[in-house]
Amino acid sequence: MKFNSLDEVRSDIDRIDDEIIKLIAERTACVKQASSFKKSEDGVKAPNRVEAVIQKVREKSLEYGANPDMVESLYREMISKFINMEMNEFKKN
């Protein structure tokens, strides 16, 4: 993709941010529902699942040309926040 101005770059970044936020909202809905299927706090934390997701996103980042270390860092932070949210949902059930 070739841009002709900084305004074009920023406009595309804004479009991408909008898509990312929509996908985070969709992921949030899934995480909230997942808590109802889990039987314990350990199930919510699911460290083996976390590591499987990290491995998958690192592989995908290479496939798509993204920096795998940056993607891993972002995902670890996001997963941490989702686990906290899911734990709160789990405790309500």
C-alpha atoms as a PDB file:
ATOM      1  CA  MET A   1       0.000   0.000   0.000  1.00  0.00           C
ATOM      2  CA  LYS A   2       1.394   3.361  -1.017  1.00  0.00           C
ATOM      3  CA  PHE A   3       0.190   6.575   0.587  1.00  0.00           C
ATOM      4  CA  ASN A   4       0.506  10.048  -0.854  1.00  0.00           C
ATOM      5  CA  SER A   5       0.295  11.992   2.403  1.00  0.00           C
ATOM      6  CA  LEU A   6       0.450  11.746   6.171  1.00  0.00           C
ATOM      7  CA  ASP A   7      -3.287  12.449   6.267  1.00  0.00           C
ATOM      8  CA  GLU A   8      -3.904   9.318   4.162  1.00  0.00           C
ATOM      9  CA  VAL A   9      -1.727   7.251   6.498  1.00  0.00           C
ATOM     10  CA  ARG A  10      -3.559   8.573   9.536  1.00  0.00           C
ATOM     11  CA  SER A  11      -6.927   7.950   7.957  1.00  0.00           C
ATOM     12  CA  ASP A  12      -5.993   4.342   7.282  1.00  0.00           C
ATOM     13  CA  ILE A  13      -4.674   3.928  10.830  1.00  0.00           C
ATOM     14  CA  ASP A  14      -8.001   5.267  12.130  1.00  0.00           C
ATOM     15  CA  ARG A  15      -9.853   2.736   9.961  1.00  0.00           C
ATOM     16  CA  ILE A  16      -7.662  -0.085  11.248  1.00  0.00           C
ATOM     17  CA  ASP A  17      -8.145   1.045  14.867  1.00  0.00           C
ATOM     18  CA  ASP A  18     -11.897   0.965  14.355  1.00  0.00           C
ATOM     19  CA  GLU A  19     -11.682  -2.640  13.112  1.00  0.00           C
ATOM     20  CA  ILE A  20      -9.427  -3.656  16.011  1.00  0.00           C
ATOM     21  CA  ILE A  21     -11.848  -2.183  18.558  1.00  0.00           C
ATOM     22  CA  LYS A  22     -14.804  -4.008  16.982  1.00  0.00           C
ATOM     23  CA  LEU A  23     -12.870  -7.285  17.167  1.00  0.00           C
ATOM     24  CA  ILE A  24     -11.909  -6.655  20.804  1.00  0.00           C
ATOM     25  CA  ALA A  25     -15.588  -6.101  21.600  1.00  0.00           C
ATOM     26  CA  GLU A  26     -16.443  -9.371  19.828  1.00  0.00           C
ATOM     27  CA  ARG A  27     -13.690 -11.196  21.747  1.00  0.00           C
ATOM     28  CA  THR A  28     -15.019  -9.687  24.989  1.00  0.00           C
ATOM     29  CA  ALA A  29     -18.460 -11.181  24.378  1.00  0.00           C
ATOM     30  CA  CYS A  30     -16.893 -14.598  23.793  1.00  0.00           C
ATOM     31  CA  VAL A  31     -14.778 -14.395  26.948  1.00  0.00           C
ATOM     32  CA  LYS A  32     -17.776 -13.445  29.067  1.00  0.00           C
ATOM     33  CA  GLN A  33     -19.652 -16.498  27.834  1.00  0.00           C
ATOM     34  CA  ALA A  34     -16.646 -18.786  28.253  1.00  0.00           C
ATOM     35  CA  SER A  35     -16.675 -18.268  32.016  1.00  0.00           C
ATOM     36  CA  SER A  36     -20.034 -20.045  32.267  1.00  0.00           C
ATOM     37  CA  PHE A  37     -18.456 -23.250  30.917  1.00  0.00           C
ATOM     38  CA  LYS A  38     -15.536 -23.304  33.320  1.00  0.00           C
ATOM     39  CA  LYS A  39     -15.604 -25.236  36.569  1.00  0.00           C
ATOM     40  CA  SER A  40     -12.818 -23.559  38.577  1.00  0.00           C
ATOM     41  CA  GLU A  41     -10.605 -20.505  38.842  1.00  0.00           C
ATOM     42  CA  ASP A  42      -7.761 -22.621  37.448  1.00  0.00           C
ATOM     43  CA  GLY A  43      -9.939 -23.271  34.424  1.00  0.00           C
ATOM     44  CA  VAL A  44     -10.361 -19.544  33.983  1.00  0.00           C
ATOM     45  CA  LYS A  45      -6.624 -18.908  34.208  1.00  0.00           C
ATOM     46  CA  ALA A  46      -5.865 -21.861  31.876  1.00  0.00           C
ATOM     47  CA  PRO A  47      -2.088 -21.352  31.559  1.00  0.00           C
ATOM     48  CA  ASN A  48      -1.739 -24.121  28.969  1.00  0.00           C
ATOM     49  CA  ARG A  49      -4.383 -22.462  26.808  1.00  0.00           C
ATOM     50  CA  VAL A  50      -2.653 -19.094  27.202  1.00  0.00           C
ATOM     51  CA  GLU A  51       0.633 -20.538  25.962  1.00  0.00           C
ATOM     52  CA  ALA A  52      -1.117 -22.269  23.055  1.00  0.00           C
ATOM     53  CA  VAL A  53      -2.691 -18.957  22.026  1.00  0.00           C
ATOM     54  CA  ILE A  54       0.674 -17.201  22.311  1.00  0.00           C
ATOM     55  CA  GLN A  55       2.327 -19.823  20.126  1.00  0.00           C
ATOM     56  CA  LYS A  56      -0.462 -19.510  17.557  1.00  0.00           C
ATOM     57  CA  VAL A  57      -0.313 -15.708  17.381  1.00  0.00           C
ATOM     58  CA  ARG A  58       3.480 -15.759  17.096  1.00  0.00           C
ATOM     59  CA  GLU A  59       3.163 -18.092  14.107  1.00  0.00           C
ATOM     60  CA  LYS A  60       0.417 -15.958  12.568  1.00  0.00           C
ATOM     61  CA  SER A  61       2.488 -12.814  13.081  1.00  0.00           C
ATOM     62  CA  LEU A  62       5.291 -14.326  11.002  1.00  0.00           C
ATOM     63  CA  GLU A  63       2.788 -15.370   8.344  1.00  0.00           C
ATOM     64  CA  TYR A  64       1.383 -11.820   8.122  1.00  0.00           C
ATOM     65  CA  GLY A  65       4.706  -9.981   8.435  1.00  0.00           C
ATOM     66  CA  ALA A  66       4.206  -8.610  11.956  1.00  0.00           C
ATOM     67  CA  ASN A  67       6.842  -8.545  14.673  1.00  0.00           C
ATOM     68  CA  PRO A  68       6.230 -11.731  16.741  1.00  0.00           C
ATOM     69  CA  ASP A  69       7.726 -10.236  19.918  1.00  0.00           C
ATOM     70  CA  MET A  70       5.439  -7.207  19.713  1.00  0.00           C
ATOM     71  CA  VAL A  71       2.412  -9.385  18.953  1.00  0.00           C
ATOM     72  CA  GLU A  72       3.239 -11.659  21.883  1.00  0.00           C
ATOM     73  CA  SER A  73       3.596  -8.697  24.229  1.00  0.00           C
ATOM     74  CA  LEU A  74       0.274  -7.220  23.109  1.00  0.00           C
ATOM     75  CA  TYR A  75      -1.489 -10.554  23.435  1.00  0.00           C
ATOM     76  CA  ARG A  76      -0.067 -11.283  26.870  1.00  0.00           C
ATOM     77  CA  GLU A  77      -1.363  -7.926  28.094  1.00  0.00           C
ATOM     78  CA  MET A  78      -4.734  -8.417  26.422  1.00  0.00           C
ATOM     79  CA  ILE A  79      -5.089 -11.965  27.745  1.00  0.00           C
ATOM     80  CA  SER A  80      -4.214 -10.792  31.247  1.00  0.00           C
ATOM     81  CA  LYS A  81      -7.006  -8.204  31.110  1.00  0.00           C
ATOM     82  CA  PHE A  82      -9.444 -10.752  29.699  1.00  0.00           C
ATOM     83  CA  ILE A  83      -8.573 -13.277  32.418  1.00  0.00           C
ATOM     84  CA  ASN A  84      -9.278 -10.631  35.074  1.00  0.00           C
ATOM     85  CA  MET A  85     -12.605  -9.834  33.422  1.00  0.00           C
ATOM     86  CA  GLU A  86     -13.472 -13.515  33.042  1.00  0.00           C
ATOM     87  CA  MET A  87     -12.570 -14.183  36.680  1.00  0.00           C
ATOM     88  CA  ASN A  88     -15.053 -11.503  37.721  1.00  0.00           C
ATOM     89  CA  GLU A  89     -17.712 -13.120  35.516  1.00  0.00           C
ATOM     90  CA  PHE A  90     -16.869 -16.573  36.886  1.00  0.00           C
ATOM     91  CA  LYS A  91     -17.272 -15.403  40.476  1.00  0.00           C
ATOM     92  CA  LYS A  92     -20.755 -14.079  39.645  1.00  0.00           C
ATOM     93  CA  ASN A  93     -21.908 -17.528  38.464  1.00  0.00           C
END
